[in-house]
Each structure stands twice: as structure tokens, then as C-alpha cells.
Amino acid sequence: MKKQLITCTINGKLRENYIDPRASLSDLLREEEHLQSIKHGCDVGECGACTVIVNGEPFNSCIYMALWAEGKDIRTLEDLSDEKGNLSDIQQSFVDEGAIQCGFCTPGFIMSALPIIESDEDFTREDIRKKLSGNFCRCTGYDTIVTAVEKTHNKRKAEKSK
């Protein structure tokens, strides 16, 4: 099959890749861009382990065709740490709240949380649970994950209102 050129922005950098037109965005990010935070969990869009942000919205990259990324802005977990590798506030909150067990689902949860923590809206714990409902964790009871997202969101809102 003839490869096709796509151009998109990945973690703030304009990237060009020749891809198999049948490739998923997760294939492009892991195999061509070598971004290891994207996990192949179910490969059918049910577990959320491969969640990335596309033009500000979370998507399961395993069912998002790489061709659809043409001209889009893609963010992965690797985009959150600073140049020195220091964790972002949401990553640190997951650590502080014990929201990480085996860690396989963590990148997907954190990426799904970005639209919440970057929003000026108010969210209840139930709202947060609903927004994260496309992500599954086999190790924990979700309360620590919701707490980590809630605390980070509230902290950011408080900092904005100063």
C-alpha cells in the first residue's frame, strides 16, 4: 500500500510523516514519533489508555485514523512535563493522591482530565467521574483519580482568580 504524507503538530512541533493510510493515530505516535505514553490497551476505543488531545478534545487514538490528524494539533502526556522533566501539576497530583497503581491507565486518565483542569467551569465530583468515564482502571476504585483531578482543577481556578 502506498504511504501518504501527513503534517500535524505534535506536542508543539510541526511534524511530517509518511504513513500507511490504515494506521491509527496511536500507531503513528508510538511507532513513528516514539511517544511511549500512548498505550495499546484494547485497540477498540473502550479502555481510554491511548487517550490524546486533538485540537483541545480527548480522543482514543487507537480508533482515530492517523490521516484524520492532518493539520491538527496533537498533545500527549510527554507535552506536560517541562524541559527538565519535572512533572506538571496534574501529574504530581496523581502521585500525591495515590492515583497511580500499575500506571498503565494513567496517561489516558491524565489526558482526559486536561479539558477539565484547563476549564473555568465548576465541576462536581460526579461531573468529573462522567468526563473520565471513557477510561478504565483495573487496579483502583477511581476515588483517588477523581480527587487528583478535582484538586488540580480547584487549585488552577484559585490561581486564576488571584
Protein backbone atom coordinates (compact mmCIF):
# COMPACT_ATOMS: atom_id res chain seq x y z
CA MET A 1 0.00 0.00 0.00
CA LYS A 2 1.27 3.44 -0.89
CA LYS A 3 2.21 5.59 2.10
CA GLN A 4 0.70 9.05 2.47
CA LEU A 5 2.26 12.19 3.85
CA ILE A 6 0.54 13.87 6.76
CA THR A 7 1.57 17.04 8.51
CA CYS A 8 0.39 17.87 12.00
CA THR A 9 1.63 19.48 15.18
CA ILE A 10 2.63 17.01 17.89
CA ASN A 11 3.42 18.43 21.31
CA GLY A 12 4.05 21.86 19.84
CA LYS A 13 6.31 20.73 16.98
CA LEU A 14 5.31 20.61 13.34
CA ARG A 15 5.83 17.03 12.17
CA GLU A 16 5.65 15.28 8.80
CA ASN A 17 5.28 11.53 8.49
CA TYR A 18 4.66 9.10 5.67
CA ILE A 19 2.10 6.65 6.98
CA ASP A 20 0.13 3.63 5.93
CA PRO A 21 -3.37 5.05 5.30
CA ARG A 22 -4.79 2.28 7.50
CA ALA A 23 -2.68 3.33 10.53
CA SER A 24 -4.26 4.64 13.67
CA LEU A 25 -3.08 7.77 15.43
CA SER A 26 -1.74 5.57 18.25
CA ASP A 27 0.37 3.68 15.69
CA LEU A 28 1.76 6.96 14.34
CA LEU A 29 2.54 8.33 17.80
CA ARG A 30 4.17 5.17 19.14
CA GLU A 31 5.90 3.80 16.05
CA GLU A 32 6.87 6.93 14.12
CA GLU A 33 7.14 9.53 16.88
CA HIS A 34 8.35 7.11 19.60
CA LEU A 35 5.98 8.52 22.23
CA GLN A 36 5.61 5.79 24.80
CA SER A 37 2.84 7.32 26.91
CA ILE A 38 0.28 6.14 24.36
CA LYS A 39 -0.70 2.66 25.49
CA HIS A 40 -2.26 -0.04 23.31
CA GLY A 41 -4.90 -1.35 25.67
CA CYS A 42 -8.00 -2.64 23.95
CA ASP A 43 -7.42 -1.23 20.44
CA VAL A 44 -11.19 -0.76 20.04
CA GLY A 45 -11.77 2.53 21.88
CA GLU A 46 -13.13 1.12 25.11
CA CYS A 47 -10.39 1.47 27.74
CA GLY A 48 -9.03 5.01 27.24
CA ALA A 49 -5.37 4.06 27.79
CA CYS A 50 -4.45 5.65 24.45
CA THR A 51 -6.23 8.98 25.02
CA VAL A 52 -4.60 12.03 23.47
CA ILE A 53 -5.81 15.59 22.93
CA VAL A 54 -6.68 16.54 19.35
CA ASN A 55 -7.46 20.23 18.86
CA GLY A 56 -8.37 20.52 22.54
CA GLU A 57 -10.60 17.46 22.79
CA PRO A 58 -9.75 13.99 24.16
CA PHE A 59 -9.84 11.11 21.67
CA ASN A 60 -9.00 7.43 21.82
CA SER A 61 -6.04 7.36 19.46
CA CYS A 62 -6.50 3.64 18.72
CA ILE A 63 -9.69 4.34 16.76
CA TYR A 64 -8.68 7.76 15.42
CA MET A 65 -7.16 7.31 11.97
CA ALA A 66 -3.73 8.89 11.56
CA LEU A 67 -4.92 10.51 8.31
CA TRP A 68 -7.51 12.47 10.30
CA ALA A 69 -4.63 14.17 12.15
CA GLU A 70 -3.71 16.15 9.03
CA GLY A 71 -3.34 19.79 10.08
CA LYS A 72 -4.39 19.08 13.66
CA ASP A 73 -2.74 19.88 16.98
CA ILE A 74 -2.00 16.70 18.95
CA ARG A 75 -0.95 16.64 22.61
CA THR A 76 0.33 13.64 24.53
CA LEU A 77 1.48 13.14 28.10
CA GLU A 78 5.05 13.94 27.02
CA ASP A 79 3.87 17.53 26.43
CA LEU A 80 3.05 18.09 30.10
CA SER A 81 6.47 17.85 31.75
CA ASP A 82 8.86 20.78 31.50
CA GLU A 83 12.24 20.73 29.72
CA LYS A 84 13.95 19.33 32.82
CA GLY A 85 11.43 16.50 33.13
CA ASN A 86 9.60 17.98 36.12
CA LEU A 87 6.04 16.76 36.46
CA SER A 88 3.11 19.01 35.69
CA ASP A 89 0.62 19.83 38.43
CA ILE A 90 -1.85 17.15 37.33
CA GLN A 91 0.88 14.52 37.15
CA GLN A 92 2.13 15.48 40.61
CA SER A 93 -1.43 15.39 41.94
CA PHE A 94 -1.81 11.80 40.70
CA VAL A 95 1.36 10.92 42.61
CA ASP A 96 0.34 12.83 45.75
CA GLU A 97 -3.16 11.34 45.86
CA GLY A 98 -2.01 7.77 45.20
CA ALA A 99 -3.99 7.72 41.96
CA ILE A 100 -1.38 5.53 40.29
CA GLN A 101 -1.09 1.83 40.85
CA CYS A 102 0.31 -0.14 37.91
CA GLY A 103 0.33 3.08 35.84
CA PHE A 104 -0.91 1.61 32.56
CA CYS A 105 -4.11 3.70 32.51
CA THR A 106 -2.55 6.84 34.00
CA PRO A 107 -1.56 8.65 30.78
CA GLY A 108 -5.07 8.23 29.38
CA PHE A 109 -6.70 9.48 32.59
CA ILE A 110 -4.40 12.49 32.76
CA MET A 111 -5.03 13.42 29.13
CA SER A 112 -8.80 13.00 29.63
CA ALA A 113 -8.51 15.29 32.66
CA LEU A 114 -6.87 18.15 30.74
CA PRO A 115 -10.09 19.69 29.40
CA ILE A 116 -11.45 19.63 32.96
CA ILE A 117 -8.47 21.22 34.67
CA GLU A 118 -7.99 23.77 31.88
CA SER A 119 -11.63 24.87 32.10
CA ASP A 120 -13.04 27.78 34.09
CA GLU A 121 -16.27 25.85 34.66
CA ASP A 122 -17.26 24.40 38.01
CA PHE A 123 -17.34 20.62 38.21
CA THR A 124 -18.75 18.36 40.89
CA ARG A 125 -17.10 15.04 41.65
CA GLU A 126 -19.93 13.40 39.70
CA ASP A 127 -19.23 15.67 36.70
CA ILE A 128 -15.57 14.66 36.82
CA ARG A 129 -16.50 10.98 37.03
CA LYS A 130 -18.70 11.34 33.95
CA LYS A 131 -15.99 13.15 31.98
CA LEU A 132 -13.48 10.43 32.85
CA SER A 133 -15.93 7.58 32.24
CA GLY A 134 -14.25 6.51 28.99
CA ASN A 135 -11.15 5.45 30.92
CA PHE A 136 -10.84 2.19 32.79
CA CYS A 137 -8.52 1.26 35.62
CA ARG A 138 -8.17 -2.34 36.70
CA CYS A 139 -6.27 -1.56 39.91
CA THR A 140 -8.08 1.12 41.90
CA GLY A 141 -11.51 2.37 42.84
CA TYR A 142 -11.30 5.68 40.96
CA ASP A 143 -11.78 7.89 44.05
CA THR A 144 -8.11 8.88 44.19
CA ILE A 145 -8.16 9.67 40.45
CA VAL A 146 -11.22 11.90 40.82
CA THR A 147 -9.64 13.57 43.86
CA ALA A 148 -6.41 14.28 41.94
CA VAL A 149 -8.35 15.88 39.08
CA GLU A 150 -10.65 17.80 41.43
CA LYS A 151 -7.76 19.21 43.49
CA THR A 152 -5.78 20.25 40.42
CA HIS A 153 -8.83 21.91 38.86
CA ASN A 154 -9.68 23.78 42.07
CA LYS A 155 -6.05 24.87 42.53
CA ARG A 156 -5.86 26.23 39.00
CA LYS A 157 -9.18 28.07 39.36
CA ALA A 158 -7.99 29.64 42.63
CA GLU A 159 -4.72 30.76 41.00
CA LYS A 160 -6.63 32.37 38.09
CA SER A 161 -8.91 34.31 40.44
CA LYS A 162 -5.99 35.95 42.29
